[in-house]
């Protein structure tokens, strides 16, 4: 595997080290360097991260109200993704997804801004009931599915959308066109 410059810029506002750092990886001695799994390759992952940042995250941060955006999870190797309970097909594994939030801003507002103004592949509003610990998952990739999902353990959120719920705890619901106020 080629040497990686973790200080290389990935988009206008972040470096590679910001997108691969994980407290969970550090605490569990997991090597979360792009390409560690063999496939996808190191260069594919880094290229995907650059596309994600340039086409989505940078455009969010360019809005002054959203300039203090925090990435809570970026690239994940297979071992880290499994530890965090991620899907086996998670776009985090490919460098195509990040979980983000903006301190002091409801994730509902961030979700709605992204939904209405940007191009993305998948947009997930995750655990809005956790308020300051909620986040928005956004991916950018060639699939261009425009797939939206709510993840919540609270009926009060799901009841706003009248859609079919699924998952081991019925926590998922697709087709969320706007994040509504409860």
N, C-alpha and C. Protein backbone atom coordinates (compact mmCIF):
# COMPACT_ATOMS: atom_id res chain seq x y z
N UNK A 1 0.85 -1.17 0.00
CA UNK A 1 0.00 0.00 0.00
C UNK A 1 0.90 1.24 0.00
N UNK A 2 0.55 2.18 -0.84
CA UNK A 2 1.35 3.41 -0.97
C UNK A 2 1.24 4.28 0.28
N UNK A 3 2.29 5.04 0.52
CA UNK A 3 2.32 5.99 1.62
C UNK A 3 1.24 7.05 1.39
N UNK A 4 0.52 7.40 2.45
CA UNK A 4 -0.55 8.39 2.34
C UNK A 4 -0.13 9.67 3.06
N UNK A 5 -0.38 10.80 2.40
CA UNK A 5 -0.19 12.09 3.04
C UNK A 5 -1.51 12.45 3.69
N UNK A 6 -1.63 12.24 5.00
CA UNK A 6 -2.90 12.50 5.68
C UNK A 6 -3.18 14.00 5.82
N UNK A 7 -2.19 14.83 5.50
CA UNK A 7 -2.39 16.28 5.55
C UNK A 7 -2.82 16.86 4.20
N UNK A 8 -3.03 15.99 3.21
CA UNK A 8 -3.49 16.49 1.91
C UNK A 8 -4.90 17.04 2.04
N UNK A 9 -5.15 18.11 1.31
CA UNK A 9 -6.48 18.72 1.34
C UNK A 9 -7.46 17.84 0.59
N UNK A 10 -8.63 17.71 1.20
CA UNK A 10 -9.73 16.97 0.59
C UNK A 10 -10.90 17.93 0.62
N UNK A 11 -11.07 18.69 -0.44
CA UNK A 11 -12.02 19.78 -0.44
C UNK A 11 -11.36 21.04 0.09
N UNK A 12 -12.16 22.09 0.26
CA UNK A 12 -11.62 23.39 0.67
C UNK A 12 -11.37 23.50 2.17
N UNK A 13 -12.05 22.72 2.97
CA UNK A 13 -12.04 22.96 4.41
C UNK A 13 -11.45 21.85 5.27
N UNK A 14 -11.25 20.68 4.70
CA UNK A 14 -10.78 19.55 5.50
C UNK A 14 -9.57 18.89 4.85
N UNK A 15 -8.82 18.22 5.69
CA UNK A 15 -7.70 17.41 5.24
C UNK A 15 -8.10 15.94 5.39
N UNK A 16 -7.36 15.08 4.73
CA UNK A 16 -7.66 13.65 4.77
C UNK A 16 -7.72 13.15 6.22
N UNK A 17 -6.83 13.64 7.08
CA UNK A 17 -6.80 13.16 8.46
C UNK A 17 -8.12 13.41 9.18
N UNK A 18 -8.86 14.45 8.80
CA UNK A 18 -10.15 14.73 9.44
C UNK A 18 -11.22 13.73 9.02
N UNK A 19 -11.04 13.12 7.86
CA UNK A 19 -12.04 12.20 7.32
C UNK A 19 -11.75 10.74 7.66
N UNK A 20 -10.56 10.47 8.17
CA UNK A 20 -10.22 9.09 8.53
C UNK A 20 -10.06 8.90 10.04
N UNK A 21 -9.98 10.00 10.77
CA UNK A 21 -9.82 9.89 12.22
C UNK A 21 -11.09 9.34 12.85
N UNK A 22 -10.90 8.45 13.82
CA UNK A 22 -12.02 7.89 14.55
C UNK A 22 -11.57 7.55 15.97
N UNK A 23 -12.27 8.08 16.94
CA UNK A 23 -11.97 7.75 18.34
C UNK A 23 -12.18 6.25 18.56
N UNK A 24 -13.23 5.71 17.98
CA UNK A 24 -13.50 4.27 18.13
C UNK A 24 -12.37 3.44 17.53
N UNK A 25 -11.84 3.86 16.39
CA UNK A 25 -10.71 3.14 15.79
C UNK A 25 -9.50 3.22 16.69
N UNK A 26 -9.21 4.43 17.19
CA UNK A 26 -8.06 4.61 18.08
C UNK A 26 -8.22 3.75 19.34
N UNK A 27 -9.39 3.80 19.96
CA UNK A 27 -9.61 3.07 21.21
C UNK A 27 -9.61 1.56 21.04
N UNK A 28 -9.82 1.10 19.82
CA UNK A 28 -9.86 -0.34 19.56
C UNK A 28 -8.70 -0.81 18.68
N UNK A 29 -7.66 0.03 18.56
CA UNK A 29 -6.45 -0.29 17.79
C UNK A 29 -6.77 -0.77 16.37
N UNK A 30 -7.67 -0.04 15.70
CA UNK A 30 -8.04 -0.36 14.33
C UNK A 30 -7.32 0.60 13.38
N UNK A 31 -6.67 0.03 12.38
CA UNK A 31 -6.01 0.83 11.35
C UNK A 31 -7.08 1.27 10.35
N UNK A 32 -7.43 2.54 10.35
CA UNK A 32 -8.49 3.06 9.49
C UNK A 32 -7.94 3.83 8.29
N UNK A 33 -6.81 3.41 7.78
CA UNK A 33 -6.23 4.08 6.62
C UNK A 33 -6.92 3.59 5.35
N UNK A 34 -7.23 4.50 4.44
CA UNK A 34 -7.85 4.11 3.18
C UNK A 34 -7.02 3.05 2.45
N UNK A 35 -7.69 2.02 1.97
CA UNK A 35 -7.04 0.95 1.23
C UNK A 35 -6.60 -0.22 2.08
N UNK A 36 -6.75 -0.12 3.40
CA UNK A 36 -6.29 -1.19 4.30
C UNK A 36 -6.99 -2.52 4.00
N UNK A 37 -8.22 -2.44 3.48
CA UNK A 37 -8.98 -3.65 3.18
C UNK A 37 -8.66 -4.24 1.81
N UNK A 38 -7.86 -3.54 1.01
CA UNK A 38 -7.52 -4.03 -0.32
C UNK A 38 -8.47 -3.53 -1.40
N UNK A 39 -9.73 -3.57 -1.11
CA UNK A 39 -10.74 -3.08 -2.05
C UNK A 39 -11.85 -2.40 -1.26
N UNK A 40 -12.24 -1.21 -1.63
CA UNK A 40 -11.72 -0.41 -2.73
C UNK A 40 -10.28 0.05 -2.45
N UNK A 41 -9.64 0.49 -3.50
CA UNK A 41 -8.24 0.89 -3.38
C UNK A 41 -8.11 2.23 -2.66
N UNK A 42 -6.90 2.47 -2.19
CA UNK A 42 -6.59 3.73 -1.53
C UNK A 42 -6.95 4.92 -2.41
N UNK A 43 -6.55 4.88 -3.67
CA UNK A 43 -6.82 6.01 -4.57
C UNK A 43 -8.31 6.17 -4.84
N UNK A 44 -9.06 5.07 -4.95
CA UNK A 44 -10.52 5.16 -5.15
C UNK A 44 -11.19 5.85 -3.96
N UNK A 45 -10.81 5.46 -2.76
CA UNK A 45 -11.40 6.03 -1.55
C UNK A 45 -11.10 7.51 -1.46
N UNK A 46 -9.84 7.89 -1.66
CA UNK A 46 -9.46 9.30 -1.57
C UNK A 46 -10.16 10.11 -2.65
N UNK A 47 -10.26 9.57 -3.86
CA UNK A 47 -10.97 10.27 -4.93
C UNK A 47 -12.45 10.45 -4.57
N UNK A 48 -13.07 9.41 -4.02
CA UNK A 48 -14.47 9.51 -3.60
C UNK A 48 -14.66 10.56 -2.52
N UNK A 49 -13.74 10.59 -1.56
CA UNK A 49 -13.82 11.61 -0.51
C UNK A 49 -13.72 13.02 -1.08
N UNK A 50 -12.84 13.20 -2.05
CA UNK A 50 -12.70 14.51 -2.69
C UNK A 50 -13.99 14.90 -3.41
N UNK A 51 -14.60 13.97 -4.12
CA UNK A 51 -15.86 14.25 -4.81
C UNK A 51 -16.95 14.62 -3.81
N UNK A 52 -17.04 13.88 -2.73
CA UNK A 52 -18.03 14.14 -1.69
C UNK A 52 -17.83 15.53 -1.09
N UNK A 53 -16.61 15.85 -0.77
CA UNK A 53 -16.33 17.14 -0.16
C UNK A 53 -16.59 18.29 -1.14
N UNK A 54 -16.08 18.18 -2.35
CA UNK A 54 -16.22 19.25 -3.34
C UNK A 54 -17.66 19.47 -3.76
N UNK A 55 -18.43 18.41 -3.88
CA UNK A 55 -19.78 18.52 -4.42
C UNK A 55 -20.86 18.70 -3.37
N UNK A 56 -20.55 18.40 -2.11
CA UNK A 56 -21.58 18.49 -1.08
C UNK A 56 -21.11 19.28 0.14
N UNK A 57 -20.15 18.77 0.86
CA UNK A 57 -19.76 19.35 2.15
C UNK A 57 -19.24 20.78 2.00
N UNK A 58 -18.37 21.02 1.04
CA UNK A 58 -17.86 22.38 0.84
C UNK A 58 -19.00 23.37 0.56
N UNK A 59 -19.98 22.93 -0.20
CA UNK A 59 -21.12 23.81 -0.54
C UNK A 59 -21.96 24.14 0.70
N UNK A 60 -22.02 23.22 1.64
CA UNK A 60 -22.73 23.49 2.89
C UNK A 60 -21.94 24.52 3.71
N UNK A 61 -20.65 24.27 3.86
CA UNK A 61 -19.81 25.15 4.69
C UNK A 61 -19.70 26.55 4.09
N UNK A 62 -19.83 26.67 2.78
CA UNK A 62 -19.78 27.99 2.14
C UNK A 62 -20.90 28.91 2.62
N UNK A 63 -21.97 28.36 3.16
CA UNK A 63 -23.07 29.15 3.70
C UNK A 63 -22.66 29.57 5.12
N UNK A 64 -22.52 30.86 5.39
CA UNK A 64 -22.02 31.30 6.70
C UNK A 64 -22.75 30.67 7.90
N UNK A 65 -24.04 30.48 7.79
CA UNK A 65 -24.81 29.89 8.90
C UNK A 65 -24.35 28.47 9.22
N UNK A 66 -23.76 27.80 8.25
CA UNK A 66 -23.36 26.40 8.40
C UNK A 66 -21.84 26.22 8.46
N UNK A 67 -21.12 27.30 8.65
CA UNK A 67 -19.65 27.25 8.54
C UNK A 67 -18.96 26.45 9.63
N UNK A 68 -19.62 26.18 10.75
CA UNK A 68 -18.95 25.39 11.80
C UNK A 68 -19.38 23.93 11.77
N UNK A 69 -19.65 23.42 10.58
CA UNK A 69 -20.01 22.02 10.37
C UNK A 69 -18.97 21.09 10.98
N UNK A 70 -19.45 20.02 11.60
CA UNK A 70 -18.59 19.01 12.21
C UNK A 70 -18.85 17.67 11.52
N UNK A 71 -17.78 17.00 11.13
CA UNK A 71 -17.90 15.64 10.59
C UNK A 71 -17.72 14.68 11.76
N UNK A 72 -18.76 13.91 12.04
CA UNK A 72 -18.68 12.97 13.16
C UNK A 72 -18.21 11.59 12.71
N UNK A 73 -18.35 11.29 11.43
CA UNK A 73 -17.84 10.04 10.89
C UNK A 73 -17.63 10.21 9.40
N UNK A 74 -16.48 9.78 8.93
CA UNK A 74 -16.16 9.84 7.50
C UNK A 74 -15.86 8.45 6.99
N UNK A 75 -14.68 8.28 6.40
CA UNK A 75 -14.28 6.98 5.89
C UNK A 75 -14.19 5.97 7.02
N UNK A 76 -14.62 4.73 6.73
CA UNK A 76 -14.51 3.63 7.69
C UNK A 76 -13.99 2.39 6.97
N UNK A 77 -12.93 1.80 7.51
CA UNK A 77 -12.50 0.50 7.00
C UNK A 77 -13.55 -0.53 7.44
N UNK A 78 -13.49 -1.73 6.89
CA UNK A 78 -14.49 -2.75 7.19
C UNK A 78 -14.58 -3.06 8.69
N UNK A 79 -13.43 -3.18 9.35
CA UNK A 79 -13.42 -3.52 10.77
C UNK A 79 -14.08 -2.42 11.61
N UNK A 80 -13.77 -1.17 11.32
CA UNK A 80 -14.39 -0.06 12.05
C UNK A 80 -15.88 0.01 11.76
N UNK A 81 -16.25 -0.15 10.51
CA UNK A 81 -17.66 -0.10 10.14
C UNK A 81 -18.46 -1.18 10.89
N UNK A 82 -17.89 -2.37 10.99
CA UNK A 82 -18.57 -3.46 11.72
C UNK A 82 -18.69 -3.11 13.20
N UNK A 83 -17.62 -2.59 13.79
CA UNK A 83 -17.63 -2.20 15.20
C UNK A 83 -18.73 -1.18 15.48
N UNK A 84 -18.92 -0.24 14.53
CA UNK A 84 -19.91 0.82 14.72
C UNK A 84 -21.33 0.40 14.33
N UNK A 85 -21.48 -0.83 13.88
CA UNK A 85 -22.80 -1.34 13.52
C UNK A 85 -23.27 -0.87 12.16
N UNK A 86 -22.34 -0.46 11.29
CA UNK A 86 -22.71 -0.01 9.96
C UNK A 86 -23.12 -1.15 9.05
N UNK A 87 -23.87 -0.80 8.02
CA UNK A 87 -24.31 -1.76 7.02
C UNK A 87 -23.10 -2.33 6.27
N UNK A 88 -23.22 -3.58 5.83
CA UNK A 88 -22.14 -4.19 5.04
C UNK A 88 -21.94 -3.49 3.70
N UNK A 89 -22.93 -2.73 3.28
CA UNK A 89 -22.84 -1.99 2.02
C UNK A 89 -22.70 -0.49 2.25
N UNK A 90 -22.33 -0.10 3.45
CA UNK A 90 -22.22 1.32 3.81
C UNK A 90 -21.31 2.07 2.85
N UNK A 91 -21.75 3.24 2.45
CA UNK A 91 -20.93 4.07 1.57
C UNK A 91 -19.75 4.69 2.32
N UNK A 92 -19.74 4.62 3.65
CA UNK A 92 -18.57 5.05 4.42
C UNK A 92 -17.35 4.23 4.01
N UNK A 93 -17.54 2.96 3.71
CA UNK A 93 -16.45 2.04 3.34
C UNK A 93 -15.77 2.49 2.05
N UNK A 94 -16.50 3.16 1.20
CA UNK A 94 -16.00 3.60 -0.10
C UNK A 94 -15.54 5.05 -0.10
N UNK A 95 -15.66 5.73 1.03
CA UNK A 95 -15.32 7.14 1.09
C UNK A 95 -16.37 8.01 0.42
N UNK A 96 -17.59 7.49 0.32
CA UNK A 96 -18.68 8.22 -0.34
C UNK A 96 -19.67 8.83 0.65
N UNK A 97 -19.43 8.71 1.96
CA UNK A 97 -20.41 9.19 2.93
C UNK A 97 -19.74 9.82 4.14
N UNK A 98 -20.44 10.80 4.71
CA UNK A 98 -20.05 11.40 5.98
C UNK A 98 -21.29 11.60 6.82
N UNK A 99 -21.08 11.59 8.13
CA UNK A 99 -22.12 11.96 9.08
C UNK A 99 -21.73 13.33 9.60
N UNK A 100 -22.70 14.26 9.56
CA UNK A 100 -22.39 15.65 9.90
C UNK A 100 -23.43 16.23 10.84
N UNK A 101 -23.03 17.29 11.50
CA UNK A 101 -23.95 18.08 12.31
C UNK A 101 -23.33 19.46 12.46
N UNK A 102 -24.14 20.38 12.91
CA UNK A 102 -23.67 21.74 13.16
C UNK A 102 -24.08 22.08 14.59
N UNK A 103 -23.12 22.26 15.48
CA UNK A 103 -23.45 22.55 16.88
C UNK A 103 -24.42 23.73 17.00
N UNK A 104 -25.45 23.53 17.81
CA UNK A 104 -26.44 24.57 18.05
C UNK A 104 -27.52 24.70 16.99
N UNK A 105 -27.44 23.90 15.93
CA UNK A 105 -28.42 23.96 14.85
C UNK A 105 -29.20 22.64 14.81
N UNK A 106 -30.52 22.70 14.76
CA UNK A 106 -31.28 21.46 14.66
C UNK A 106 -30.92 20.70 13.38
N UNK A 107 -30.74 19.40 13.50
CA UNK A 107 -30.40 18.61 12.31
C UNK A 107 -31.54 18.66 11.30
N UNK A 108 -32.74 18.94 11.74
CA UNK A 108 -33.88 19.12 10.84
C UNK A 108 -33.57 20.21 9.80
N UNK A 109 -33.02 21.33 10.27
CA UNK A 109 -32.70 22.43 9.36
C UNK A 109 -31.60 22.04 8.38
N UNK A 110 -30.57 21.37 8.86
CA UNK A 110 -29.47 20.93 8.00
C UNK A 110 -29.98 19.95 6.95
N UNK A 111 -30.77 18.97 7.38
CA UNK A 111 -31.34 17.99 6.46
C UNK A 111 -32.14 18.69 5.36
N UNK A 112 -33.02 19.60 5.75
CA UNK A 112 -33.87 20.29 4.78
C UNK A 112 -33.06 21.14 3.81
N UNK A 113 -32.01 21.80 4.30
CA UNK A 113 -31.16 22.59 3.41
C UNK A 113 -30.52 21.68 2.35
N UNK A 114 -29.96 20.57 2.79
CA UNK A 114 -29.29 19.65 1.86
C UNK A 114 -30.31 19.10 0.86
N UNK A 115 -31.44 18.65 1.36
CA UNK A 115 -32.47 18.06 0.51
C UNK A 115 -32.89 19.03 -0.60
N UNK A 116 -33.07 20.28 -0.26
CA UNK A 116 -33.61 21.27 -1.19
C UNK A 116 -32.57 21.90 -2.11
N UNK A 117 -31.28 21.86 -1.73
CA UNK A 117 -30.30 22.67 -2.45
C UNK A 117 -29.12 21.95 -3.08
N UNK A 118 -28.89 20.71 -2.74
CA UNK A 118 -27.67 20.05 -3.20
C UNK A 118 -27.96 18.74 -3.93
N UNK A 119 -26.97 18.27 -4.67
CA UNK A 119 -27.04 16.95 -5.29
C UNK A 119 -26.42 15.95 -4.34
N UNK A 120 -27.08 14.81 -4.16
CA UNK A 120 -26.59 13.79 -3.24
C UNK A 120 -27.16 12.46 -3.67
N UNK A 121 -26.61 11.40 -3.13
CA UNK A 121 -27.08 10.05 -3.44
C UNK A 121 -28.04 9.56 -2.38
N UNK A 122 -27.64 9.71 -1.12
CA UNK A 122 -28.46 9.24 -0.01
C UNK A 122 -28.40 10.26 1.11
N UNK A 123 -29.56 10.53 1.71
CA UNK A 123 -29.67 11.50 2.79
C UNK A 123 -30.47 10.86 3.91
N UNK A 124 -29.87 10.80 5.10
CA UNK A 124 -30.52 10.14 6.23
C UNK A 124 -30.54 11.08 7.43
N UNK A 125 -31.72 11.28 8.00
CA UNK A 125 -31.89 12.05 9.23
C UNK A 125 -31.86 11.05 10.36
N UNK A 126 -30.80 11.08 11.17
CA UNK A 126 -30.58 10.03 12.16
C UNK A 126 -30.82 10.51 13.59
N UNK A 127 -31.72 9.82 14.22
CA UNK A 127 -32.07 9.98 15.65
C UNK A 127 -32.33 11.44 16.05
N UNK A 128 -33.30 12.08 15.40
CA UNK A 128 -33.60 13.48 15.75
C UNK A 128 -34.00 13.66 17.21
N UNK A 129 -34.49 12.61 17.84
CA UNK A 129 -34.87 12.71 19.25
C UNK A 129 -33.68 12.94 20.16
N UNK A 130 -32.48 12.70 19.67
CA UNK A 130 -31.27 12.91 20.47
C UNK A 130 -30.80 14.37 20.43
N UNK A 131 -31.51 15.22 19.69
CA UNK A 131 -31.24 16.65 19.57
C UNK A 131 -29.78 16.96 19.31
N UNK A 132 -28.99 17.32 20.32
CA UNK A 132 -27.59 17.71 20.11
C UNK A 132 -26.70 16.55 19.69
N UNK A 133 -27.17 15.33 19.81
CA UNK A 133 -26.39 14.16 19.40
C UNK A 133 -26.97 13.50 18.15
N UNK A 134 -27.86 14.21 17.48
CA UNK A 134 -28.42 13.76 16.22
C UNK A 134 -27.43 14.10 15.11
N UNK A 135 -27.59 13.49 13.95
CA UNK A 135 -26.72 13.81 12.83
C UNK A 135 -27.44 13.55 11.52
N UNK A 136 -26.83 14.06 10.44
CA UNK A 136 -27.31 13.82 9.09
C UNK A 136 -26.24 13.03 8.36
N UNK A 137 -26.65 11.92 7.78
CA UNK A 137 -25.76 11.11 6.93
C UNK A 137 -26.01 11.56 5.50
N UNK A 138 -24.94 11.88 4.80
CA UNK A 138 -25.07 12.26 3.40
C UNK A 138 -24.02 11.53 2.58
N UNK A 139 -24.46 11.03 1.44
CA UNK A 139 -23.52 10.37 0.55
C UNK A 139 -23.60 10.99 -0.84
N UNK A 140 -22.51 10.82 -1.54
CA UNK A 140 -22.41 11.31 -2.91
C UNK A 140 -21.67 10.23 -3.69
N UNK A 141 -22.32 9.74 -4.73
CA UNK A 141 -21.69 8.69 -5.51
C UNK A 141 -22.41 8.50 -6.83
N UNK A 142 -21.90 7.59 -7.63
CA UNK A 142 -22.43 7.39 -8.99
C UNK A 142 -23.84 6.80 -9.02
N UNK A 143 -24.31 6.24 -7.91
CA UNK A 143 -25.64 5.65 -7.89
C UNK A 143 -26.73 6.70 -8.12
N UNK A 144 -26.54 7.90 -7.54
CA UNK A 144 -27.47 9.01 -7.70
C UNK A 144 -28.93 8.58 -7.46
N UNK A 145 -29.16 7.90 -6.35
CA UNK A 145 -30.48 7.33 -6.05
C UNK A 145 -31.47 8.33 -5.47
N UNK A 146 -31.00 9.43 -4.93
CA UNK A 146 -31.87 10.39 -4.23
C UNK A 146 -32.73 9.67 -3.20
N UNK A 147 -32.11 8.82 -2.43
CA UNK A 147 -32.79 8.00 -1.42
C UNK A 147 -32.76 8.73 -0.07
N UNK A 148 -33.93 8.85 0.55
CA UNK A 148 -34.02 9.51 1.84
C UNK A 148 -34.56 8.55 2.89
N UNK A 149 -34.08 8.72 4.12
CA UNK A 149 -34.46 7.83 5.21
C UNK A 149 -34.49 8.58 6.52
N UNK A 150 -35.42 8.19 7.36
CA UNK A 150 -35.46 8.61 8.76
C UNK A 150 -35.03 7.42 9.59
N UNK A 151 -34.15 7.66 10.57
CA UNK A 151 -33.79 6.63 11.55
C UNK A 151 -34.15 7.20 12.91
N UNK A 152 -35.09 6.54 13.58
CA UNK A 152 -35.53 7.01 14.89
C UNK A 152 -36.15 5.86 15.66
N UNK A 153 -35.95 5.88 16.96
CA UNK A 153 -36.58 4.88 17.82
C UNK A 153 -37.90 5.40 18.38
N UNK A 154 -38.28 6.62 17.99
CA UNK A 154 -39.48 7.26 18.53
C UNK A 154 -40.63 7.26 17.52
N UNK A 155 -41.78 6.73 17.94
CA UNK A 155 -42.97 6.72 17.08
C UNK A 155 -43.38 8.12 16.65
N UNK A 156 -43.20 9.10 17.52
CA UNK A 156 -43.66 10.46 17.23
C UNK A 156 -43.06 11.01 15.93
N UNK A 157 -41.83 10.63 15.61
CA UNK A 157 -41.21 11.07 14.35
C UNK A 157 -41.77 10.27 13.18
N UNK A 158 -41.85 8.96 13.32
CA UNK A 158 -42.34 8.13 12.23
C UNK A 158 -43.79 8.44 11.87
N UNK A 159 -44.59 8.79 12.86
CA UNK A 159 -46.00 9.07 12.62
C UNK A 159 -46.21 10.30 11.73
N UNK A 160 -45.21 11.14 11.60
CA UNK A 160 -45.31 12.32 10.74
C UNK A 160 -45.34 11.97 9.26
N UNK A 161 -44.88 10.76 8.90
CA UNK A 161 -44.66 10.44 7.50
C UNK A 161 -45.56 9.34 6.94
N UNK A 162 -46.23 8.59 7.77
CA UNK A 162 -47.19 7.56 7.33
C UNK A 162 -46.60 6.54 6.36
N UNK A 163 -45.30 6.30 6.44
CA UNK A 163 -44.68 5.33 5.56
C UNK A 163 -44.47 4.00 6.26
N UNK A 164 -44.00 3.04 5.50
CA UNK A 164 -43.72 1.71 6.05
C UNK A 164 -42.39 1.74 6.80
N UNK A 165 -42.42 1.19 8.00
CA UNK A 165 -41.22 1.12 8.83
C UNK A 165 -40.58 -0.25 8.69
N UNK A 166 -39.27 -0.30 8.88
CA UNK A 166 -38.57 -1.58 8.79
C UNK A 166 -37.32 -1.54 9.65
N UNK A 167 -36.62 -2.64 9.70
CA UNK A 167 -35.42 -2.76 10.53
C UNK A 167 -35.74 -3.59 11.76
N UNK A 168 -34.73 -4.04 12.46
CA UNK A 168 -34.91 -4.92 13.61
C UNK A 168 -35.78 -4.30 14.69
N UNK A 169 -35.76 -2.98 14.79
CA UNK A 169 -36.58 -2.27 15.79
C UNK A 169 -37.56 -1.30 15.13
N UNK A 170 -37.85 -1.55 13.83
CA UNK A 170 -38.72 -0.64 13.07
C UNK A 170 -38.23 0.80 13.12
N UNK A 171 -36.92 0.99 13.14
CA UNK A 171 -36.35 2.32 13.28
C UNK A 171 -36.15 3.06 11.95
N UNK A 172 -36.32 2.38 10.83
CA UNK A 172 -36.07 2.98 9.52
C UNK A 172 -37.38 3.27 8.78
N UNK A 173 -37.37 4.35 8.00
CA UNK A 173 -38.50 4.69 7.15
C UNK A 173 -37.98 5.51 5.98
N UNK A 174 -38.26 5.06 4.76
CA UNK A 174 -37.79 5.75 3.56
C UNK A 174 -38.78 6.83 3.11
N UNK A 175 -38.32 7.66 2.19
CA UNK A 175 -39.18 8.63 1.53
C UNK A 175 -39.43 9.90 2.34
N UNK A 176 -38.44 10.32 3.12
CA UNK A 176 -38.59 11.52 3.95
C UNK A 176 -38.23 12.74 3.09
N UNK A 177 -39.23 13.46 2.62
CA UNK A 177 -38.96 14.59 1.74
C UNK A 177 -38.58 15.85 2.49
N UNK A 178 -39.03 15.94 3.74
CA UNK A 178 -38.60 17.06 4.57
C UNK A 178 -38.60 16.62 6.02
N UNK A 179 -37.65 17.17 6.77
CA UNK A 179 -37.56 16.85 8.19
C UNK A 179 -38.54 17.76 8.91
N UNK A 180 -39.54 17.17 9.51
CA UNK A 180 -40.62 17.95 10.12
C UNK A 180 -40.38 18.19 11.61
N UNK A 181 -41.00 19.26 12.10
CA UNK A 181 -40.95 19.59 13.52
C UNK A 181 -41.93 18.71 14.27
N UNK A 182 -41.49 18.18 15.38
CA UNK A 182 -42.37 17.38 16.24
C UNK A 182 -42.97 18.27 17.29
